[in-house]
Every structure is written in structure tokens, then in C-alpha cells.
N, C-alpha and C. Protein backbone atom coordinates (compact mmCIF):
# COMPACT_ATOMS: atom_id res chain seq x y z
N UNK A 1 143.63 45.17 94.61
CA UNK A 1 143.22 45.81 93.24
C UNK A 1 141.75 45.23 92.93
N UNK A 2 140.93 46.13 92.42
CA UNK A 2 139.49 45.67 92.17
C UNK A 2 139.70 44.78 91.00
N UNK A 3 138.74 43.77 91.05
CA UNK A 3 138.78 42.60 90.03
C UNK A 3 138.82 43.13 88.59
N UNK A 4 138.01 44.25 88.39
CA UNK A 4 137.85 44.71 86.95
C UNK A 4 138.80 45.63 86.54
N UNK A 5 139.62 46.09 87.26
CA UNK A 5 140.62 47.22 87.00
C UNK A 5 141.89 46.68 86.27
N UNK A 6 142.13 47.31 85.16
CA UNK A 6 143.24 47.12 84.47
C UNK A 6 144.47 47.98 84.69
N UNK A 7 145.62 47.77 85.12
CA UNK A 7 146.59 48.61 85.43
C UNK A 7 147.12 49.24 84.19
N UNK A 8 147.65 50.47 84.40
CA UNK A 8 148.14 51.22 83.30
C UNK A 8 149.55 50.58 82.68
N UNK A 9 150.24 49.94 83.68
CA UNK A 9 151.48 49.24 83.30
C UNK A 9 151.19 47.80 83.60
N UNK A 10 151.05 47.13 82.66
CA UNK A 10 150.80 45.63 82.87
C UNK A 10 152.06 44.72 82.92
N UNK A 11 152.56 44.46 84.03
CA UNK A 11 153.83 43.54 84.04
C UNK A 11 153.51 42.27 83.68
N UNK A 12 154.47 41.41 83.16
CA UNK A 12 154.28 40.03 82.93
C UNK A 12 153.55 39.36 84.27
N UNK A 13 152.47 38.64 83.69
CA UNK A 13 151.68 37.84 84.83
C UNK A 13 151.06 38.66 85.86
N UNK A 14 150.80 39.92 85.41
CA UNK A 14 150.18 40.86 86.46
C UNK A 14 148.83 40.39 86.97
N UNK A 15 148.09 39.67 86.23
CA UNK A 15 146.79 39.09 86.59
C UNK A 15 146.79 38.06 87.65
N UNK A 16 147.88 37.54 88.04
CA UNK A 16 148.07 36.41 89.06
C UNK A 16 147.58 37.08 90.45
N UNK A 17 147.72 38.43 90.53
CA UNK A 17 147.42 39.00 91.90
C UNK A 17 145.85 38.98 91.92
N UNK A 18 145.13 38.76 90.94
CA UNK A 18 143.66 38.73 91.12
C UNK A 18 143.16 37.41 91.68
N UNK A 19 144.07 36.43 91.67
CA UNK A 19 143.61 35.03 92.31
C UNK A 19 143.23 35.14 93.75
N UNK A 20 142.34 34.48 94.25
CA UNK A 20 141.71 34.63 95.61
C UNK A 20 142.16 33.25 96.26
N UNK A 21 142.45 33.62 97.66
CA UNK A 21 142.85 32.50 98.60
C UNK A 21 141.51 31.60 99.03
N UNK A 22 141.69 30.43 99.35
CA UNK A 22 140.73 29.44 99.90
C UNK A 22 140.31 30.13 101.19
N UNK A 23 139.11 30.25 101.39
CA UNK A 23 138.49 30.68 102.68
C UNK A 23 137.41 29.75 103.34
N UNK A 24 137.37 28.36 102.80
CA UNK A 24 136.58 27.45 103.10
C UNK A 24 137.17 26.19 103.77
N UNK A 25 138.47 26.14 103.87
CA UNK A 25 139.08 24.93 104.42
C UNK A 25 139.66 23.94 103.59
N UNK A 26 140.21 22.88 104.17
CA UNK A 26 141.13 21.85 103.48
C UNK A 26 140.39 20.79 102.45
N UNK A 27 139.01 20.96 102.47
CA UNK A 27 138.30 20.14 101.50
C UNK A 27 138.14 20.79 100.15
N UNK A 28 138.65 21.94 99.99
CA UNK A 28 138.83 22.79 98.74
C UNK A 28 140.19 23.00 98.26
N UNK A 29 140.36 23.44 97.03
CA UNK A 29 141.56 23.82 96.47
C UNK A 29 142.34 24.85 97.26
N UNK A 30 143.59 25.17 97.28
CA UNK A 30 144.16 26.25 98.07
C UNK A 30 143.92 27.65 97.59
N UNK A 31 143.51 27.72 96.46
CA UNK A 31 143.15 28.97 95.86
C UNK A 31 142.30 28.85 94.67
N UNK A 32 141.71 30.10 94.31
CA UNK A 32 140.63 30.27 93.22
C UNK A 32 141.17 31.07 92.06
N UNK A 33 141.87 30.49 91.11
CA UNK A 33 142.37 31.17 89.93
C UNK A 33 141.25 31.96 88.98
N UNK A 34 140.04 31.32 89.12
CA UNK A 34 138.97 31.79 88.34
C UNK A 34 138.63 33.33 88.44
N UNK A 35 139.00 33.84 89.49
CA UNK A 35 138.60 35.27 89.68
C UNK A 35 139.39 36.17 88.62
N UNK A 36 140.39 35.61 88.11
CA UNK A 36 141.11 36.60 86.96
C UNK A 36 140.31 36.50 85.76
N UNK A 37 139.36 35.46 85.57
CA UNK A 37 138.61 35.36 84.20
C UNK A 37 137.63 36.49 84.21
N UNK A 38 137.27 36.94 85.43
CA UNK A 38 136.16 38.17 85.31
C UNK A 38 136.85 39.38 84.72
N UNK A 39 138.06 39.62 84.56
CA UNK A 39 138.83 40.65 84.06
C UNK A 39 139.03 40.33 82.61
N UNK A 40 138.57 40.99 81.63
CA UNK A 40 138.66 40.38 80.15
C UNK A 40 140.25 40.58 79.81
N UNK A 41 140.77 41.81 80.16
CA UNK A 41 142.12 42.00 79.92
C UNK A 41 143.13 40.80 80.52
N UNK A 42 142.81 40.59 81.85
CA UNK A 42 143.70 39.41 82.51
C UNK A 42 143.46 38.12 81.85
N UNK A 43 142.27 37.80 81.38
CA UNK A 43 142.02 36.57 80.66
C UNK A 43 142.81 36.56 79.44
N UNK A 44 142.72 37.61 78.58
CA UNK A 44 143.42 37.70 77.33
C UNK A 44 144.85 37.60 77.51
N UNK A 45 145.43 38.42 78.47
CA UNK A 45 146.79 38.07 78.83
C UNK A 45 147.34 36.87 79.34
N UNK A 46 146.42 36.11 79.99
CA UNK A 46 146.72 34.83 80.48
C UNK A 46 146.94 33.73 79.36
N UNK A 47 145.82 33.99 78.37
CA UNK A 47 145.78 33.05 77.35
C UNK A 47 147.06 33.35 76.37
N UNK A 48 147.31 34.60 76.07
CA UNK A 48 148.49 35.03 75.40
C UNK A 48 149.79 34.29 75.91
N UNK A 49 150.04 34.52 77.29
CA UNK A 49 151.17 33.86 77.95
C UNK A 49 151.29 32.39 77.58
N UNK A 50 150.01 31.73 77.77
CA UNK A 50 150.09 30.16 77.68
C UNK A 50 150.25 29.74 76.36
N UNK A 51 150.17 30.68 75.35
CA UNK A 51 150.29 30.25 73.87
C UNK A 51 151.67 30.54 73.32
N UNK A 52 152.47 31.35 74.02
CA UNK A 52 153.59 31.79 73.68
C UNK A 52 154.52 30.69 73.22
N UNK A 53 154.79 29.59 74.03
CA UNK A 53 155.68 28.49 73.92
C UNK A 53 155.27 27.59 72.56
N UNK A 54 154.12 27.77 72.15
CA UNK A 54 153.54 26.99 71.13
C UNK A 54 153.30 27.72 69.64
N UNK A 55 153.85 28.85 69.77
CA UNK A 55 153.79 29.62 68.48
C UNK A 55 154.28 29.01 67.16
N UNK A 56 155.31 27.95 67.25
CA UNK A 56 155.63 27.28 66.06
C UNK A 56 155.18 26.05 66.04
N UNK A 57 154.38 25.50 66.82
CA UNK A 57 153.60 24.24 66.86
C UNK A 57 152.34 24.26 65.94
N UNK A 58 152.07 23.04 65.48
CA UNK A 58 150.86 22.91 64.68
C UNK A 58 149.75 22.37 65.81
N UNK A 59 148.83 22.90 66.02
CA UNK A 59 147.68 22.49 67.08
C UNK A 59 146.39 22.41 66.09
N UNK A 60 145.70 21.18 66.17
CA UNK A 60 144.58 20.92 65.48
C UNK A 60 143.34 21.19 66.37
N UNK A 61 143.61 20.98 67.61
CA UNK A 61 142.37 20.96 68.31
C UNK A 61 142.77 21.15 69.92
N UNK A 62 141.98 21.91 70.65
CA UNK A 62 142.29 22.11 72.06
C UNK A 62 141.38 21.45 72.81
N UNK A 63 141.85 20.67 73.99
CA UNK A 63 140.99 19.86 74.87
C UNK A 63 141.04 20.59 76.19
N UNK A 64 139.98 20.67 76.96
CA UNK A 64 139.82 21.23 78.23
C UNK A 64 139.31 20.28 79.06
N UNK A 65 139.72 20.24 80.33
CA UNK A 65 139.36 19.28 81.42
C UNK A 65 138.41 19.81 82.33
N UNK A 66 137.23 19.06 82.49
CA UNK A 66 136.06 19.38 83.38
C UNK A 66 136.53 19.62 84.64
N UNK A 67 136.09 20.82 85.38
CA UNK A 67 135.28 21.77 84.70
C UNK A 67 135.87 23.11 84.39
N UNK A 68 136.90 23.56 85.22
CA UNK A 68 137.49 24.90 84.91
C UNK A 68 138.37 24.97 83.93
N UNK A 69 138.83 23.88 83.47
CA UNK A 69 139.48 23.84 82.11
C UNK A 69 138.88 24.16 80.99
N UNK A 70 137.59 24.19 81.11
CA UNK A 70 136.57 24.61 79.97
C UNK A 70 136.83 26.06 79.73
N UNK A 71 136.77 26.72 80.79
CA UNK A 71 136.89 28.26 80.67
C UNK A 71 138.15 28.65 79.83
N UNK A 72 139.15 28.08 80.48
CA UNK A 72 140.44 28.65 79.78
C UNK A 72 140.82 27.80 78.61
N UNK A 73 140.38 26.60 78.44
CA UNK A 73 140.57 25.83 77.10
C UNK A 73 139.75 26.45 75.99
N UNK A 74 138.66 26.79 76.31
CA UNK A 74 137.70 27.48 75.21
C UNK A 74 138.30 28.86 74.81
N UNK A 75 138.90 29.63 75.70
CA UNK A 75 139.36 30.79 75.53
C UNK A 75 140.70 30.54 74.50
N UNK A 76 141.47 29.74 74.81
CA UNK A 76 142.53 29.18 74.08
C UNK A 76 142.23 28.96 72.68
N UNK A 77 141.26 27.98 72.57
CA UNK A 77 140.65 27.47 71.38
C UNK A 77 140.36 28.75 70.48
N UNK A 78 139.56 29.62 71.10
CA UNK A 78 138.99 30.69 70.43
C UNK A 78 140.21 31.67 69.81
N UNK A 79 141.08 31.84 70.66
CA UNK A 79 142.25 32.70 70.30
C UNK A 79 143.01 32.10 69.12
N UNK A 80 143.19 30.72 69.18
CA UNK A 80 143.77 30.10 68.08
C UNK A 80 143.08 29.82 66.65
N UNK A 81 141.73 29.90 67.00
CA UNK A 81 140.68 29.64 65.86
C UNK A 81 140.63 28.18 65.56
N UNK A 82 140.63 27.53 66.72
CA UNK A 82 140.47 26.02 66.61
C UNK A 82 139.41 25.63 67.35
N UNK A 83 138.98 24.26 67.13
CA UNK A 83 137.78 23.77 67.76
C UNK A 83 138.24 23.42 69.32
N UNK A 84 137.19 23.08 70.04
CA UNK A 84 137.41 22.70 71.53
C UNK A 84 136.73 21.48 71.86
N UNK A 85 137.44 20.56 72.40
CA UNK A 85 137.00 19.26 73.02
C UNK A 85 136.96 19.21 74.44
N UNK A 86 135.65 18.73 74.86
CA UNK A 86 135.45 18.66 76.25
C UNK A 86 135.94 17.27 76.94
N UNK A 87 136.77 17.26 77.86
CA UNK A 87 137.06 16.04 78.50
C UNK A 87 136.30 15.99 79.75
N UNK A 88 135.22 15.24 79.86
CA UNK A 88 134.11 15.39 80.91
C UNK A 88 134.35 14.46 82.07
N UNK A 89 133.80 14.66 83.18
CA UNK A 89 133.71 13.81 84.32
C UNK A 89 132.76 12.78 83.92
N UNK A 90 132.91 11.58 84.28
CA UNK A 90 132.10 10.50 83.92
C UNK A 90 130.63 10.53 84.06
N UNK A 91 129.80 10.16 83.20
CA UNK A 91 128.36 10.15 83.50
C UNK A 91 127.64 11.31 82.88
N UNK A 92 128.34 12.23 82.19
CA UNK A 92 127.67 13.43 81.65
C UNK A 92 127.45 13.37 80.09
N UNK A 93 128.06 12.57 79.39
CA UNK A 93 127.97 12.42 77.92
C UNK A 93 126.85 11.40 77.55
N UNK A 94 125.92 11.71 76.67
CA UNK A 94 124.91 10.79 76.15
C UNK A 94 125.22 10.03 75.05
N UNK A 95 126.57 9.89 74.74
CA UNK A 95 126.96 9.11 73.59
C UNK A 95 128.05 8.14 74.07
N UNK A 96 128.54 7.44 73.09
CA UNK A 96 129.60 6.43 73.44
C UNK A 96 130.92 7.14 73.76
N UNK A 97 131.59 6.71 74.64
CA UNK A 97 132.69 7.30 75.28
C UNK A 97 133.89 6.38 75.63
N UNK A 98 135.10 6.90 75.64
CA UNK A 98 136.27 6.10 76.18
C UNK A 98 136.53 6.83 77.51
N UNK A 99 136.76 6.02 78.64
CA UNK A 99 137.19 6.54 79.87
C UNK A 99 138.55 6.28 80.47
N UNK A 100 138.86 6.97 81.39
CA UNK A 100 140.16 6.75 82.20
C UNK A 100 139.82 7.10 83.61
N UNK A 101 140.30 6.33 84.48
CA UNK A 101 140.38 6.54 85.96
C UNK A 101 141.55 7.24 86.35
N UNK A 102 141.46 8.06 87.51
CA UNK A 102 142.50 8.89 88.04
C UNK A 102 142.13 9.25 89.40
N UNK A 103 143.12 9.75 90.21
CA UNK A 103 142.92 10.40 91.50
C UNK A 103 143.30 11.95 91.27
N UNK A 104 142.47 12.70 91.82
CA UNK A 104 142.54 14.16 91.73
C UNK A 104 143.43 14.72 92.89
N UNK A 105 143.45 15.97 92.71
CA UNK A 105 144.57 16.64 93.91
C UNK A 105 144.25 16.36 95.28
N UNK A 106 142.95 15.91 95.58
CA UNK A 106 142.43 15.54 96.85
C UNK A 106 142.52 14.18 97.12
N UNK A 107 142.99 13.37 96.22
CA UNK A 107 143.15 11.92 96.40
C UNK A 107 141.94 11.23 96.22
N UNK A 108 140.79 11.77 95.69
CA UNK A 108 139.71 11.04 95.38
C UNK A 108 139.74 10.37 93.97
N UNK A 109 139.19 9.14 94.04
CA UNK A 109 139.21 8.14 92.80
C UNK A 109 138.20 8.72 91.89
N UNK A 110 138.37 9.08 90.59
CA UNK A 110 137.31 9.63 89.73
C UNK A 110 137.52 8.86 88.30
N UNK A 111 136.71 9.40 87.55
CA UNK A 111 136.77 8.79 85.96
C UNK A 111 136.28 9.73 85.22
N UNK A 112 137.12 10.17 84.09
CA UNK A 112 136.88 10.96 83.04
C UNK A 112 136.69 10.18 81.71
N UNK A 113 136.00 11.17 80.96
CA UNK A 113 135.69 10.43 79.57
C UNK A 113 135.65 11.30 78.56
N UNK A 114 135.80 10.85 77.23
CA UNK A 114 135.86 11.78 76.00
C UNK A 114 135.13 10.90 74.96
N UNK A 115 134.36 11.78 74.04
CA UNK A 115 133.49 11.17 73.02
C UNK A 115 134.47 10.45 71.92
N UNK A 116 134.03 9.45 71.36
CA UNK A 116 134.79 8.59 70.45
C UNK A 116 135.04 9.12 68.97
N UNK A 117 134.25 10.16 68.68
CA UNK A 117 134.21 10.65 67.25
C UNK A 117 135.01 11.80 66.90
N UNK A 118 135.99 12.02 67.51
CA UNK A 118 136.68 13.37 67.37
C UNK A 118 138.21 12.97 67.36
N UNK A 119 138.73 12.34 68.37
CA UNK A 119 140.23 12.10 68.33
C UNK A 119 140.48 10.94 67.38
N UNK A 120 141.67 11.15 66.60
CA UNK A 120 142.12 9.99 65.81
C UNK A 120 143.65 10.03 65.58
N UNK A 121 144.32 9.14 64.98
CA UNK A 121 145.63 9.36 64.68
C UNK A 121 146.01 10.49 63.88
N UNK A 122 147.10 11.15 64.21
CA UNK A 122 147.54 12.29 63.40
C UNK A 122 147.00 13.54 63.95
N UNK A 123 145.88 13.53 64.61
CA UNK A 123 145.38 14.88 65.20
C UNK A 123 146.33 15.49 66.38
N UNK A 124 146.69 16.74 66.21
CA UNK A 124 147.50 17.22 67.31
C UNK A 124 146.78 18.05 68.31
N UNK A 125 146.90 17.68 69.58
CA UNK A 125 145.84 18.31 70.61
C UNK A 125 146.86 18.98 71.63
N UNK A 126 146.32 20.09 71.96
CA UNK A 126 146.86 20.94 73.18
C UNK A 126 145.95 20.70 74.35
N UNK A 127 146.27 20.17 75.48
CA UNK A 127 145.35 19.86 76.61
C UNK A 127 145.57 21.03 77.65
N UNK A 128 144.39 21.59 78.08
CA UNK A 128 144.37 22.73 78.82
C UNK A 128 143.66 22.42 80.23
N UNK A 129 144.13 22.73 81.35
CA UNK A 129 143.36 22.74 82.66
C UNK A 129 143.65 23.95 83.40
N UNK A 130 142.89 24.34 84.32
CA UNK A 130 143.21 25.48 85.19
C UNK A 130 144.41 25.41 85.91
N UNK A 131 144.77 24.30 86.57
CA UNK A 131 145.85 24.21 87.51
C UNK A 131 146.20 22.80 87.53
N UNK A 132 147.46 22.68 87.54
CA UNK A 132 148.07 21.15 87.86
C UNK A 132 148.91 21.22 89.22
N UNK A 133 148.21 20.33 90.13
CA UNK A 133 148.76 20.26 91.49
C UNK A 133 149.52 18.88 91.52
N UNK A 134 148.73 17.99 91.59
CA UNK A 134 149.45 16.43 91.84
C UNK A 134 149.76 15.95 90.47
N UNK A 135 149.07 16.39 89.42
CA UNK A 135 149.27 15.98 88.03
C UNK A 135 148.44 14.70 87.60
N UNK A 136 147.70 14.29 88.63
CA UNK A 136 146.99 13.10 88.42
C UNK A 136 145.95 13.37 87.39
N UNK A 137 145.21 14.48 87.42
CA UNK A 137 144.12 14.72 86.49
C UNK A 137 144.70 14.90 85.13
N UNK A 138 145.78 15.75 84.87
CA UNK A 138 146.27 15.87 83.52
C UNK A 138 146.96 14.65 82.96
N UNK A 139 147.48 13.70 83.87
CA UNK A 139 148.16 12.58 83.30
C UNK A 139 147.15 11.64 82.78
N UNK A 140 145.90 11.66 83.40
CA UNK A 140 144.78 10.86 82.91
C UNK A 140 144.24 11.38 81.60
N UNK A 141 144.13 12.71 81.50
CA UNK A 141 143.79 13.34 80.19
C UNK A 141 144.68 12.99 79.04
N UNK A 142 146.06 13.04 79.32
CA UNK A 142 147.03 12.60 78.35
C UNK A 142 146.72 11.17 77.88
N UNK A 143 146.68 10.39 78.79
CA UNK A 143 146.39 8.99 78.54
C UNK A 143 145.12 8.80 77.64
N UNK A 144 144.04 9.51 77.99
CA UNK A 144 142.77 9.34 77.30
C UNK A 144 143.06 9.84 75.87
N UNK A 145 143.65 10.92 75.64
CA UNK A 145 143.98 11.55 74.26
C UNK A 145 144.95 10.44 73.47
N UNK A 146 145.82 10.14 74.12
CA UNK A 146 146.84 9.16 73.39
C UNK A 146 146.18 7.82 73.18
N UNK A 147 145.42 7.38 73.91
CA UNK A 147 144.73 6.03 73.79
C UNK A 147 143.87 5.88 72.67
N UNK A 148 143.36 6.90 72.04
CA UNK A 148 142.64 7.16 70.93
C UNK A 148 143.49 7.45 69.57
N UNK A 149 144.86 7.54 69.81
CA UNK A 149 145.72 7.72 68.59
C UNK A 149 146.03 9.13 68.46
N UNK A 150 145.46 10.11 69.09
CA UNK A 150 145.83 11.46 68.87
C UNK A 150 147.20 11.77 69.45
N UNK A 151 147.82 12.99 69.05
CA UNK A 151 149.24 13.14 69.65
C UNK A 151 148.89 14.45 70.53
N UNK A 152 149.61 14.34 71.67
CA UNK A 152 149.47 15.48 72.77
C UNK A 152 150.74 16.51 72.45
N UNK A 153 150.32 17.67 71.78
CA UNK A 153 151.44 18.62 71.37
C UNK A 153 152.01 19.20 72.82
N UNK A 154 151.13 19.30 73.77
CA UNK A 154 151.56 19.89 75.05
C UNK A 154 150.52 20.07 76.08
N UNK A 155 150.71 20.57 77.13
CA UNK A 155 149.76 20.90 78.14
C UNK A 155 149.98 22.33 78.68
N UNK A 156 148.90 22.89 79.03
CA UNK A 156 148.84 24.30 79.56
C UNK A 156 148.03 24.57 80.67
N UNK A 157 148.43 25.30 81.66
CA UNK A 157 147.71 25.47 82.79
C UNK A 157 148.18 26.95 83.26
N UNK A 158 147.39 27.57 84.19
CA UNK A 158 147.80 28.73 85.05
C UNK A 158 149.16 28.52 85.68
N UNK A 159 149.20 27.33 86.46
CA UNK A 159 150.40 27.13 87.03
C UNK A 159 150.58 25.46 87.05
N UNK A 160 151.76 25.07 87.27
CA UNK A 160 152.18 23.64 87.48
C UNK A 160 153.01 23.56 88.69
N UNK A 161 152.46 23.04 89.75
CA UNK A 161 153.22 22.93 90.92
C UNK A 161 154.37 21.79 90.87
N UNK A 162 155.39 21.90 91.63
CA UNK A 162 156.60 21.04 91.50
C UNK A 162 156.32 19.85 92.28
N UNK A 163 155.33 19.39 92.22
CA UNK A 163 155.01 17.93 92.83
C UNK A 163 155.64 16.77 92.09
N UNK A 164 155.62 15.62 92.44
CA UNK A 164 156.05 14.51 91.72
C UNK A 164 155.36 14.44 90.34
N UNK A 165 154.09 14.56 90.24
CA UNK A 165 153.31 14.59 89.03
C UNK A 165 153.64 15.74 88.24
N UNK A 166 153.73 16.88 88.87
CA UNK A 166 153.96 18.12 88.10
C UNK A 166 155.34 18.14 87.41
N UNK A 167 156.33 17.57 88.09
CA UNK A 167 157.60 17.48 87.49
C UNK A 167 157.67 16.40 86.47
N UNK A 168 156.89 15.36 86.43
CA UNK A 168 156.62 14.36 85.50
C UNK A 168 156.16 14.97 84.16
N UNK A 169 155.21 15.66 84.30
CA UNK A 169 154.57 16.32 83.15
C UNK A 169 155.61 17.28 82.47
N UNK A 170 156.41 18.02 83.33
CA UNK A 170 157.37 19.01 82.66
C UNK A 170 158.50 18.14 82.01
N UNK A 171 158.82 17.06 82.58
CA UNK A 171 159.98 16.28 81.98
C UNK A 171 159.53 15.52 80.84
N UNK A 172 158.28 15.16 80.66
CA UNK A 172 157.84 14.40 79.47
C UNK A 172 157.01 15.01 78.32
N UNK A 173 156.53 16.29 78.60
CA UNK A 173 155.77 16.89 77.45
C UNK A 173 156.12 18.32 77.55
N UNK A 174 155.92 18.91 76.27
CA UNK A 174 155.97 20.36 76.33
C UNK A 174 154.92 21.07 77.02
N UNK A 175 155.23 22.09 77.93
CA UNK A 175 154.25 22.66 78.65
C UNK A 175 154.36 24.14 78.63
N UNK A 176 153.27 24.78 79.18
CA UNK A 176 153.36 26.28 79.42
C UNK A 176 152.52 26.51 80.73
N UNK A 177 152.93 27.57 81.24
CA UNK A 177 152.28 27.98 82.63
C UNK A 177 152.48 29.47 82.68
N UNK A 178 151.79 30.21 83.65
CA UNK A 178 151.94 31.67 83.78
C UNK A 178 152.62 32.16 84.99
N UNK A 179 153.36 31.22 85.56
CA UNK A 179 154.11 31.61 86.72
C UNK A 179 155.47 31.94 86.35
N UNK A 180 155.88 33.12 86.73
CA UNK A 180 157.45 33.58 86.62
C UNK A 180 158.32 32.76 87.62
N UNK A 181 159.58 32.51 87.28
CA UNK A 181 160.39 31.75 87.96
C UNK A 181 160.52 32.31 89.41
N UNK A 182 160.41 33.52 89.64
CA UNK A 182 160.67 34.06 90.97
C UNK A 182 159.42 33.87 91.93
N UNK A 183 158.16 33.53 91.25
CA UNK A 183 157.00 33.11 91.96
C UNK A 183 156.80 31.71 92.37
N UNK A 184 157.52 30.87 91.64
CA UNK A 184 157.22 29.47 91.62
C UNK A 184 157.39 28.84 92.80
N UNK A 185 158.15 29.42 93.85
CA UNK A 185 158.37 28.94 95.29
C UNK A 185 157.15 29.06 96.01
N UNK A 186 156.44 30.24 95.79
CA UNK A 186 155.16 30.62 96.38
C UNK A 186 154.14 29.63 95.99
N UNK A 187 154.16 29.21 94.67
CA UNK A 187 153.10 28.39 94.22
C UNK A 187 153.41 27.02 94.88
N UNK A 188 154.64 26.64 94.99
CA UNK A 188 154.93 25.22 95.50
C UNK A 188 154.50 25.13 97.08
N UNK A 189 154.74 26.37 97.76
CA UNK A 189 154.42 26.39 99.26
C UNK A 189 152.85 26.52 99.39
N UNK A 190 152.10 26.87 98.11
CA UNK A 190 150.74 27.09 98.22
C UNK A 190 150.31 28.33 99.02
N UNK A 191 151.01 29.25 98.92
CA UNK A 191 150.75 30.70 99.39
C UNK A 191 151.28 31.84 98.81
N UNK A 192 150.39 32.59 98.11
CA UNK A 192 150.94 33.71 97.53
C UNK A 192 151.06 35.03 98.31
N UNK A 193 152.07 35.87 98.38
CA UNK A 193 152.25 36.92 99.14
C UNK A 193 150.98 37.98 98.84
N UNK A 194 150.24 38.00 97.58
CA UNK A 194 149.31 38.75 97.36
C UNK A 194 148.14 38.45 98.20
N UNK A 195 148.01 37.29 98.64
CA UNK A 195 146.85 36.82 99.49
C UNK A 195 146.77 37.60 100.73
N UNK A 196 148.04 37.95 101.29
CA UNK A 196 148.13 38.77 102.54
C UNK A 196 147.33 40.17 102.27
N UNK A 197 147.42 40.69 101.20
CA UNK A 197 146.81 41.97 101.03
C UNK A 197 145.26 41.77 100.93
N UNK A 198 144.99 40.76 100.10
CA UNK A 198 143.42 40.34 99.96
C UNK A 198 142.73 40.11 101.41
N UNK A 199 143.62 39.35 102.30
CA UNK A 199 142.98 39.17 103.53
C UNK A 199 142.95 40.35 104.41
N UNK A 200 143.83 41.23 104.32
CA UNK A 200 143.63 42.52 105.02
C UNK A 200 142.62 43.24 104.68
N UNK A 201 142.35 43.36 103.28
CA UNK A 201 141.18 44.02 102.70
C UNK A 201 139.78 43.55 103.20
N UNK A 202 139.71 42.20 103.17
CA UNK A 202 138.55 41.56 103.82
C UNK A 202 138.39 41.88 105.22
N UNK A 203 139.28 42.01 106.08
CA UNK A 203 139.17 42.19 107.50
C UNK A 203 138.62 43.79 107.68
N UNK A 204 138.82 44.49 106.65
CA UNK A 204 138.52 45.97 106.94
C UNK A 204 137.01 46.18 106.42
N UNK A 205 136.53 45.18 105.83
CA UNK A 205 135.15 45.27 105.40
C UNK A 205 134.21 45.17 106.55
């Protein structure tokens, strides 16, 4: 399907077929979900699905994780009519910050940081990232938000893999993702059937 095409019948999570497989090898994530953001209806439907479990929750602020969580998080915040807080990789903010170390999906040690003049006790925050693989990045973001006294209402991502870290998040926090139960096994195996069609089309070019 062309990336800008909107099907006449939009099944739940139809937009997942727009995601693209990794073509650059093991140093990169196994897929690129951001292709679906190019389709305005796909992005809107993705955000709608992510927010469904939180309809009855009070959310004061949306926080998105650097970098791809900014796109999805800002879209979620706009839909809710709430503000957006950027959780940045260390060294990019020119103000006083609070930081948290973590290991990302590739096992690399990193540091994230957040400004000190927004989060406070009583503030209810929804944390958004594009994808949760090992859970290390999201767990660090949770610690960062909670260390400043704010409450994590829940976490949202296009997918949450059933890794040890992914399961920990599901067990300890309210969460949302866009993966139907029948597709979760493909996510955990890190290969979507839709990739086969994409790869066939690429070979024909």
C-alpha cells in the first residue's frame, strides 16, 4: 500500500502495515514505525487508539522521549489539548536539569534529562515513546518523572515487546499500545508478515 493511501475500510490498527523493515543491519532497530506518521489518517488513528485506555484518567501533561517519542507525544498532547514536555538526551538543554542514566535497546549506556521547572508533586503525566523493546528507556523516563514528584498516569507506545522490561512496565503501570493480540507474537519475534510484501515490492523496483 502506498504510504499516503487511506483504505476505504480501516480495520483496527490498519496503519501498522505502513511500518517499514530494517534494511541497514543489526546496528539499527529492527523496524521503522515512523513511516506511518507520513499518513495523516494513520497518525490520527494511532493516537486515538493509544488514548482509548486513558479516557477516564486525568492527564495534566504529556511527556515524550527523545527523539521519536517527540512526534507521537506531541500528537497525543495536541489531541488531548495538553502541554508537551520533552525528555531529552543529555547535553541538549541550556538550563538546569535532572538526569537519569539508562541502557537503551542496543545495550548502550546513555543519559536522559528533563528541565526542573515543570514537573512537581500532584502533576499527572502520560509518558509516550515510539516503541518499547527492552524497556530500559521507558523505565528511566518513569524514574525521572517520579523523582521530581510527579505521578505517572501511564505509558503509551506503538508497541510494547514482551521482553523482561516490557513485561515489567505492563505489570507495574497502566499502558497502551496499538498491537492487536493476534499480532503480538510477530512483534515479539521482531518480524511482521507485512514486511514480506514490502520486500517483494522493493525487489520489483
